Amino acid sequence: MKVVTHSGRFHADDVFASVVLQAALGPIDLVRTRDARIIGEADLVFDVGGVYDPEARRYDHHMRDLPRRADGTPYSSVGLVWRDYGRDALPQLVPDIEAETLETVWQEIDNDLILSIDQADNGIGPVSPGHLALLVEAFNPTWDSTKPYDTAFGEAAETARGVLVRACRQAHASARAAVLVLAAARQARDPRIVVLDRKLPWEKAVYEGGLDEVLFVIYPGEEGGAWYCRAVPPEPNSFGQRLSLPETWRGLQDEAFSKAAGIEDGVFCHPSGFICGARSRASTVELAERAIALGAGRAG
């Protein structure tokens, strides 16, 4: 398949669009040119040509009536390509992705990485010195360089692929974690306590999965030897808790904490009352149950 984009100086949108298409379509013959004849003969064109027609596989966005997202944000070429080819690209970027998480991963990448490039390319979002768009543009040859633009584009694309692969795999891990947290919540003996068999990011599942009753999340430490009882904040990034741990436990450790909490193998309770721990799963669950029974410090 012959795929065409513009020659010369490149930006993050055309570089990332090429990476998405390589993953979605397999080996492609990518040509960088502004020759109207070559553009007209191509199987797919992006970021050049003056035509936006998805049915004809034409994905330029440099026109007065430019394509926009549902919220009015203008697309860049990678936004258009990700919209139509991102789902096909994901199995190559994340080989073990499951059918049930594919849409979630596609959406997260679109909401974060792809949208930020759309905004930067169209001049409607803040672009700090460390912004991904500027880092990709830095691959363009300097004024005194003899390096061909196509060579530099290939180097930029290799880096962009690494970024996209990592972002997709992180989004996949987050989606898988949400599935596990929701499954644990369904199996919970008490809907206010979710017990996980490993440490993983649970916040997104709690807030986006409708787990409004959950007060505490129980999970093992990464290196073993302890289990933790974490109070759930009332909202993302909050320093409060839906239900704080009892005042009488806070700041205590080991024997003193065990005695105050009424268990045998307590480890600690943080002075702020948002987390405590014990050496066994059973005791840590008991800590959550006792905190609920005491009903102390409910966030307002």
Protein backbone atom coordinates (compact mmCIF):
# COMPACT_ATOMS: atom_id res chain seq x y z
CA MET A 1 0.00 0.00 0.00
CA LYS A 2 1.36 3.40 -1.00
CA VAL A 3 0.88 5.97 1.77
CA VAL A 4 1.79 9.61 1.28
CA THR A 5 2.45 12.50 3.62
CA HIS A 6 4.22 15.79 3.04
CA SER A 7 7.95 16.22 2.62
CA GLY A 8 10.18 18.69 4.45
CA ARG A 9 9.76 19.76 8.06
CA PHE A 10 7.58 17.43 10.13
CA HIS A 11 5.53 17.67 13.31
CA ALA A 12 4.30 15.26 15.94
CA ASP A 13 0.99 14.63 14.19
CA ASP A 14 2.39 13.31 10.92
CA VAL A 15 5.15 11.35 12.69
CA PHE A 16 2.73 9.61 15.06
CA ALA A 17 0.19 9.09 12.26
CA SER A 18 2.81 7.16 10.30
CA VAL A 19 3.48 4.94 13.33
CA VAL A 20 -0.22 4.19 13.79
CA LEU A 21 -0.63 3.30 10.12
CA GLN A 22 2.43 1.03 10.14
CA ALA A 23 0.94 -0.86 13.08
CA ALA A 24 -2.58 -1.00 11.63
CA LEU A 25 -1.78 -1.82 8.00
CA GLY A 26 1.48 -3.70 8.23
CA PRO A 27 4.34 -2.91 5.83
CA ILE A 28 3.51 0.24 3.87
CA ASP A 29 5.36 2.18 1.20
CA LEU A 30 5.56 5.60 2.88
CA VAL A 31 6.38 8.44 0.53
CA ARG A 32 6.99 11.99 1.73
CA THR A 33 6.22 14.45 -1.06
CA ARG A 34 4.13 17.41 -2.14
CA ASP A 35 3.92 16.24 -5.76
CA ALA A 36 0.22 16.42 -6.67
CA ARG A 37 0.47 13.49 -9.10
CA ILE A 38 1.98 11.15 -6.52
CA ILE A 39 -0.53 12.31 -3.92
CA GLY A 40 -3.39 11.64 -6.31
CA GLU A 41 -2.19 8.10 -7.04
CA ALA A 42 -1.65 7.12 -3.39
CA ASP A 43 -3.82 4.58 -1.60
CA LEU A 44 -3.87 6.71 1.56
CA VAL A 45 -2.84 10.32 2.18
CA PHE A 46 -2.46 12.18 5.48
CA ASP A 47 -1.49 15.71 6.49
CA VAL A 48 -1.22 16.88 2.87
CA GLY A 49 -3.31 17.15 -0.28
CA GLY A 50 -6.03 19.54 0.85
CA VAL A 51 -8.71 16.81 1.03
CA TYR A 52 -10.53 15.32 3.99
CA ASP A 53 -12.50 12.27 2.84
CA PRO A 54 -12.24 9.19 5.07
CA GLU A 55 -13.97 6.96 2.50
CA ALA A 56 -11.27 7.88 -0.01
CA ARG A 57 -8.57 7.55 2.70
CA ARG A 58 -7.70 11.23 2.52
CA TYR A 59 -6.79 12.74 5.88
CA ASP A 60 -5.64 16.31 5.48
CA HIS A 61 -6.83 18.87 8.01
CA HIS A 62 -5.43 22.11 6.61
CA MET A 63 -8.58 23.65 5.22
CA ARG A 64 -11.14 26.24 6.29
CA ASP A 65 -13.83 23.66 7.02
CA LEU A 66 -11.47 21.42 8.92
CA PRO A 67 -12.59 18.19 10.65
CA ARG A 68 -13.39 18.52 14.35
CA ARG A 69 -14.06 16.32 17.34
CA ALA A 70 -17.51 16.20 18.88
CA ASP A 71 -16.51 18.94 21.34
CA GLY A 72 -15.28 21.21 18.54
CA THR A 73 -11.55 20.55 18.99
CA PRO A 74 -9.87 20.47 15.56
CA TYR A 75 -8.26 17.20 14.57
CA SER A 76 -4.67 16.90 13.47
CA SER A 77 -3.65 14.12 11.12
CA VAL A 78 -2.86 11.71 13.95
CA GLY A 79 -6.24 12.35 15.57
CA LEU A 80 -7.97 11.39 12.32
CA VAL A 81 -5.74 8.37 11.74
CA TRP A 82 -6.10 7.17 15.34
CA ARG A 83 -9.88 7.55 15.09
CA ASP A 84 -10.10 5.31 12.04
CA TYR A 85 -7.07 3.01 12.43
CA GLY A 86 -6.14 3.06 16.11
CA ARG A 87 -8.28 0.06 17.00
CA ASP A 88 -6.62 -1.97 14.24
CA ALA A 89 -3.18 -0.82 15.42
CA LEU A 90 -3.62 -1.78 19.06
CA PRO A 91 -3.14 -5.58 18.69
CA GLN A 92 0.26 -4.87 17.15
CA LEU A 93 1.20 -2.28 19.78
CA VAL A 94 -0.10 -4.43 22.67
CA PRO A 95 0.05 -8.06 21.45
CA ASP A 96 -1.78 -9.50 24.48
CA ILE A 97 -4.64 -7.01 24.50
CA GLU A 98 -8.07 -8.53 25.16
CA ALA A 99 -11.17 -7.77 23.12
CA GLU A 100 -12.95 -6.49 26.24
CA THR A 101 -10.23 -3.92 27.05
CA LEU A 102 -9.41 -2.75 23.51
CA GLU A 103 -12.00 0.03 23.38
CA THR A 104 -11.02 1.29 26.84
CA VAL A 105 -7.36 1.47 25.83
CA TRP A 106 -8.20 3.16 22.53
CA GLN A 107 -10.26 5.79 24.32
CA GLU A 108 -7.64 6.50 26.98
CA ILE A 109 -4.92 7.02 24.38
CA ASP A 110 -7.25 9.25 22.38
CA ASN A 111 -8.18 11.32 25.44
CA ASP A 112 -4.61 11.87 26.53
CA LEU A 113 -1.73 11.46 24.10
CA ILE A 114 -3.57 11.92 20.79
CA LEU A 115 -5.71 14.85 21.93
CA SER A 116 -2.66 16.68 23.27
CA ILE A 117 -1.01 16.40 19.85
CA ASP A 118 -4.20 17.60 18.13
CA GLN A 119 -4.31 20.63 20.38
CA ALA A 120 -0.63 21.46 19.99
CA ASP A 121 -0.73 21.10 16.21
CA ASN A 122 -3.71 23.42 15.96
CA GLY A 123 -2.34 25.98 18.40
CA ILE A 124 -5.16 25.68 20.91
CA GLY A 125 -3.39 24.05 23.85
CA PRO A 126 -0.43 24.99 26.04
CA VAL A 127 2.88 23.70 24.70
CA SER A 128 5.59 23.86 27.35
CA PRO A 129 9.26 23.33 26.47
CA GLY A 130 8.99 19.64 27.43
CA HIS A 131 5.80 18.96 25.48
CA LEU A 132 5.85 15.81 23.37
CA ALA A 133 5.09 17.79 20.21
CA LEU A 134 8.22 19.91 20.63
CA LEU A 135 10.37 16.89 21.46
CA VAL A 136 9.34 15.26 18.19
CA GLU A 137 9.93 18.47 16.23
CA ALA A 138 13.44 18.59 17.66
CA PHE A 139 14.30 15.67 15.36
CA ASN A 140 14.08 18.02 12.38
CA PRO A 141 17.53 18.81 10.94
CA THR A 142 19.02 22.09 12.09
CA TRP A 143 19.73 24.81 9.56
CA ASP A 144 23.38 23.79 9.31
CA SER A 145 22.79 20.04 9.10
CA THR A 146 23.23 17.92 6.00
CA LYS A 147 20.94 15.16 7.25
CA PRO A 148 18.01 14.50 4.86
CA TYR A 149 14.55 15.23 6.24
CA ASP A 150 13.37 11.72 5.41
CA THR A 151 16.17 10.22 7.51
CA ALA A 152 15.29 12.50 10.41
CA PHE A 153 11.61 11.60 10.01
CA GLY A 154 12.49 7.92 10.33
CA GLU A 155 14.43 8.59 13.53
CA ALA A 156 11.54 10.60 14.95
CA ALA A 157 9.10 7.83 14.02
CA GLU A 158 11.21 5.22 15.81
CA THR A 159 11.09 7.29 19.00
CA ALA A 160 7.38 8.01 18.55
CA ARG A 161 6.66 4.31 18.23
CA GLY A 162 8.40 3.67 21.53
CA VAL A 163 6.33 6.38 23.20
CA LEU A 164 3.08 5.09 21.71
CA VAL A 165 3.80 1.47 22.59
CA ARG A 166 4.58 2.39 26.18
CA ALA A 167 1.51 4.59 26.50
CA CYS A 168 -0.73 1.85 25.08
CA ARG A 169 0.74 -0.79 27.39
CA GLN A 170 0.28 1.46 30.42
CA ALA A 171 -3.32 2.10 29.39
CA HIS A 172 -3.81 -1.65 28.94
CA ALA A 173 -2.40 -2.36 32.40
CA SER A 174 -4.78 0.24 33.83
CA ALA A 175 -7.74 -1.32 32.04
CA ARG A 176 -6.81 -4.80 33.26
CA ALA A 177 -6.47 -3.49 36.80
CA ALA A 178 -9.95 -1.99 36.60
CA VAL A 179 -11.37 -5.35 35.52
CA LEU A 180 -9.74 -7.06 38.52
CA VAL A 181 -10.91 -4.40 40.98
CA LEU A 182 -14.50 -4.56 39.74
CA ALA A 183 -14.42 -8.36 39.96
CA ALA A 184 -13.14 -8.15 43.55
CA ALA A 185 -15.88 -5.67 44.40
CA ARG A 186 -18.54 -8.01 43.03
CA GLN A 187 -17.18 -10.82 45.19
CA ALA A 188 -16.81 -8.72 48.35
CA ARG A 189 -18.49 -9.96 51.50
CA ASP A 190 -19.00 -6.32 52.53
CA PRO A 191 -19.46 -3.78 49.70
CA ARG A 192 -17.57 -1.25 51.79
CA ILE A 193 -14.36 -3.32 51.74
CA VAL A 194 -12.59 -4.46 48.56
CA VAL A 195 -9.83 -7.04 49.03
CA LEU A 196 -7.25 -7.41 46.26
CA ASP A 197 -4.79 -10.29 45.94
CA ARG A 198 -2.05 -8.01 44.60
CA LYS A 199 -1.08 -4.34 44.64
CA LEU A 200 -2.45 -2.56 41.58
CA PRO A 201 -3.97 0.82 40.67
CA TRP A 202 -7.55 0.71 41.99
CA GLU A 203 -8.57 4.37 42.02
CA LYS A 204 -9.90 4.55 38.47
CA ALA A 205 -12.14 1.53 38.95
CA VAL A 206 -13.54 2.95 42.19
CA TYR A 207 -14.42 6.36 40.76
CA GLU A 208 -15.37 5.40 37.21
CA GLY A 209 -16.87 2.01 38.06
CA GLY A 210 -19.53 3.35 40.39
CA LEU A 211 -18.07 1.85 43.57
CA ASP A 212 -19.56 4.58 45.71
CA GLU A 213 -19.92 2.41 48.81
CA VAL A 214 -16.28 1.37 49.07
CA LEU A 215 -14.54 2.83 52.12
CA PHE A 216 -11.38 0.71 52.29
CA VAL A 217 -9.20 -1.18 49.82
CA ILE A 218 -7.06 -4.05 51.14
CA TYR A 219 -3.93 -5.22 49.28
CA PRO A 220 -0.57 -6.93 49.95
CA GLY A 221 2.74 -5.10 49.94
CA GLU A 222 4.96 -5.43 46.90
CA GLU A 223 7.70 -7.29 48.79
CA GLY A 224 5.42 -9.36 51.00
CA GLY A 225 5.41 -9.41 54.76
CA ALA A 226 2.57 -6.92 55.23
CA TRP A 227 -0.94 -6.12 54.08
CA TYR A 228 -2.35 -2.62 53.83
CA CYS A 229 -5.74 -1.07 54.49
CA ARG A 230 -6.13 2.12 52.46
CA ALA A 231 -8.96 4.56 53.11
CA VAL A 232 -10.66 5.67 49.88
CA PRO A 233 -10.63 9.45 49.22
CA PRO A 234 -14.01 11.08 48.50
CA GLU A 235 -12.86 12.03 44.99
CA PRO A 236 -9.76 11.61 42.79
CA ASN A 237 -6.61 13.40 44.01
CA SER A 238 -8.26 14.31 47.31
CA PHE A 239 -6.33 14.21 50.58
CA GLY A 240 -9.47 13.34 52.53
CA GLN A 241 -11.10 9.98 53.17
CA ARG A 242 -14.62 8.68 52.83
CA LEU A 243 -13.99 7.23 56.26
CA SER A 244 -10.79 7.98 58.15
CA LEU A 245 -9.09 5.43 60.37
CA PRO A 246 -9.82 5.89 64.10
CA GLU A 247 -8.04 8.72 65.88
CA THR A 248 -6.88 6.35 68.64
CA TRP A 249 -4.85 4.30 66.12
CA ARG A 250 -3.03 7.11 64.38
CA GLY A 251 0.73 7.36 64.63
CA LEU A 252 1.07 4.05 66.49
CA GLN A 253 3.29 1.14 65.46
CA ASP A 254 3.75 -2.55 66.16
CA GLU A 255 2.72 -3.56 69.69
CA ALA A 256 1.15 -0.22 70.57
CA PHE A 257 -0.88 -0.19 67.38
CA SER A 258 -1.87 -3.85 67.76
CA LYS A 259 -3.13 -3.20 71.28
CA ALA A 260 -5.08 -0.09 70.28
CA ALA A 261 -6.66 -1.80 67.26
CA GLY A 262 -7.38 -5.11 68.99
CA ILE A 263 -5.34 -7.37 66.69
CA GLU A 264 -2.17 -9.41 67.24
CA ASP A 265 0.00 -8.53 64.25
CA GLY A 266 -0.45 -4.83 63.55
CA VAL A 267 2.36 -2.92 61.83
CA PHE A 268 1.38 0.76 61.85
CA CYS A 269 -1.27 3.40 61.32
CA HIS A 270 -0.33 6.61 59.54
CA PRO A 271 -0.76 9.79 61.61
CA SER A 272 -3.13 11.19 58.97
CA GLY A 273 -5.45 8.20 59.28
CA PHE A 274 -5.50 7.23 55.61
CA ILE A 275 -3.60 3.92 55.74
CA CYS A 276 -2.68 1.21 58.21
CA GLY A 277 -1.27 -2.28 57.97
CA ALA A 278 -0.88 -5.69 59.54
CA ARG A 279 1.15 -8.81 58.82
CA SER A 280 -1.79 -10.92 57.63
CA ARG A 281 -4.69 -10.49 55.26
CA ALA A 282 -7.20 -11.55 57.91
CA SER A 283 -5.99 -8.95 60.40
CA THR A 284 -5.97 -6.21 57.78
CA VAL A 285 -9.55 -6.98 56.81
CA GLU A 286 -10.39 -6.92 60.52
CA LEU A 287 -8.86 -3.45 60.78
CA ALA A 288 -11.21 -2.21 58.06
CA GLU A 289 -14.19 -3.84 59.75
CA ARG A 290 -13.28 -2.33 63.13
CA ALA A 291 -12.80 1.12 61.58
CA ILE A 292 -16.25 0.92 60.01
CA ALA A 293 -17.79 -0.26 63.27
CA LEU A 294 -16.24 2.65 65.12
CA GLY A 295 -17.42 5.01 62.37
CA ALA A 296 -14.80 7.60 63.23
CA GLY A 297 -13.81 10.66 61.24
CA ARG A 298 -16.23 10.43 58.31
CA ALA A 299 -15.34 12.97 55.65
CA GLY A 300 -17.89 15.74 55.26
